Amino acid sequence: MAVGAEAQRQGIARLDIQADELRRRAYAKVEEARSATETLMTAGIIAEPEDLGRDA
């Protein structure tokens, strides 16, 4: 989100959209990636990550 806003500020962004729309799009992409990862793990296509002792 910050990268998109900074690109707009510098005048180099291809799109000119409001901060709330940038945020909405970023969150949607993250949620899509999380959902795809969960689907792949459930199907056994990719392994679940090892517990590295960090809180998620």
C-alpha atoms as a PDB file:
ATOM      1  CA  MET A   1       0.000   0.000   0.000  1.00  0.00           C
ATOM      2  CA  ALA A   2       2.742   2.433   0.918  1.00  0.00           C
ATOM      3  CA  VAL A   3       4.590   1.689  -2.320  1.00  0.00           C
ATOM      4  CA  GLY A   4       1.521   2.510  -4.404  1.00  0.00           C
ATOM      5  CA  ALA A   5       0.877   5.720  -2.501  1.00  0.00           C
ATOM      6  CA  GLU A   6       4.495   6.800  -2.867  1.00  0.00           C
ATOM      7  CA  ALA A   7       4.462   6.050  -6.604  1.00  0.00           C
ATOM      8  CA  GLN A   8       1.393   8.253  -6.942  1.00  0.00           C
ATOM      9  CA  ARG A   9       3.065  11.000  -4.941  1.00  0.00           C
ATOM     10  CA  GLN A  10       6.092  10.860  -7.244  1.00  0.00           C
ATOM     11  CA  GLY A  11       3.879  10.849 -10.345  1.00  0.00           C
ATOM     12  CA  ILE A  12       5.127   7.489 -11.619  1.00  0.00           C
ATOM     13  CA  ALA A  13       2.095   5.321 -10.837  1.00  0.00           C
ATOM     14  CA  ARG A  14       0.140   3.909 -13.766  1.00  0.00           C
ATOM     15  CA  LEU A  15      -3.101   4.175 -11.795  1.00  0.00           C
ATOM     16  CA  ASP A  16      -4.459   7.118  -9.858  1.00  0.00           C
ATOM     17  CA  ILE A  17      -6.662   5.658  -7.131  1.00  0.00           C
ATOM     18  CA  GLN A  18      -7.508   6.737  -3.609  1.00  0.00           C
ATOM     19  CA  ALA A  19      -5.713   5.334  -0.551  1.00  0.00           C
ATOM     20  CA  ASP A  20      -8.792   3.431   0.632  1.00  0.00           C
ATOM     21  CA  GLU A  21      -9.050   1.678  -2.746  1.00  0.00           C
ATOM     22  CA  LEU A  22      -5.322   0.850  -2.680  1.00  0.00           C
ATOM     23  CA  ARG A  23      -5.801  -0.636   0.793  1.00  0.00           C
ATOM     24  CA  ARG A  24      -8.876  -2.616  -0.286  1.00  0.00           C
ATOM     25  CA  ARG A  25      -7.030  -4.075  -3.277  1.00  0.00           C
ATOM     26  CA  ALA A  26      -3.968  -4.961  -1.206  1.00  0.00           C
ATOM     27  CA  TYR A  27      -6.047  -6.726   1.444  1.00  0.00           C
ATOM     28  CA  ALA A  28      -7.986  -8.600  -1.261  1.00  0.00           C
ATOM     29  CA  LYS A  29      -4.750  -9.851  -2.839  1.00  0.00           C
ATOM     30  CA  VAL A  30      -3.393 -11.010   0.528  1.00  0.00           C
ATOM     31  CA  GLU A  31      -6.653 -12.809   1.328  1.00  0.00           C
ATOM     32  CA  GLU A  32      -6.636 -14.481  -2.101  1.00  0.00           C
ATOM     33  CA  ALA A  33      -3.077 -15.708  -1.541  1.00  0.00           C
ATOM     34  CA  ARG A  34      -3.925 -17.033   1.924  1.00  0.00           C
ATOM     35  CA  SER A  35      -6.963 -18.852   0.577  1.00  0.00           C
ATOM     36  CA  ALA A  36      -4.962 -20.407  -2.273  1.00  0.00           C
ATOM     37  CA  THR A  37      -2.261 -21.536   0.155  1.00  0.00           C
ATOM     38  CA  GLU A  38      -4.851 -23.111   2.466  1.00  0.00           C
ATOM     39  CA  THR A  39      -6.470 -24.913  -0.478  1.00  0.00           C
ATOM     40  CA  LEU A  40      -3.116 -26.273  -1.656  1.00  0.00           C
ATOM     41  CA  MET A  41      -2.211 -27.446   1.852  1.00  0.00           C
ATOM     42  CA  THR A  42      -5.611 -29.105   2.341  1.00  0.00           C
ATOM     43  CA  ALA A  43      -5.224 -30.926  -0.989  1.00  0.00           C
ATOM     44  CA  GLY A  44      -1.746 -32.105   0.032  1.00  0.00           C
ATOM     45  CA  ILE A  45      -0.108 -30.338  -2.895  1.00  0.00           C
ATOM     46  CA  ILE A  46       2.113 -28.300  -0.596  1.00  0.00           C
ATOM     47  CA  ALA A  47       3.184 -29.136   2.936  1.00  0.00           C
ATOM     48  CA  GLU A  48       2.147 -27.106   5.912  1.00  0.00           C
ATOM     49  CA  PRO A  49       4.947 -24.910   7.222  1.00  0.00           C
ATOM     50  CA  GLU A  50       7.085 -26.139  10.090  1.00  0.00           C
ATOM     51  CA  ASP A  51       6.482 -24.545  13.464  1.00  0.00           C
ATOM     52  CA  LEU A  52       9.414 -22.184  13.914  1.00  0.00           C
ATOM     53  CA  GLY A  53       8.399 -21.208  17.425  1.00  0.00           C
ATOM     54  CA  ARG A  54       6.966 -17.872  16.364  1.00  0.00           C
ATOM     55  CA  ASP A  55       3.483 -16.626  17.077  1.00  0.00           C
ATOM     56  CA  ALA A  56       1.424 -16.259  13.924  1.00  0.00           C
END
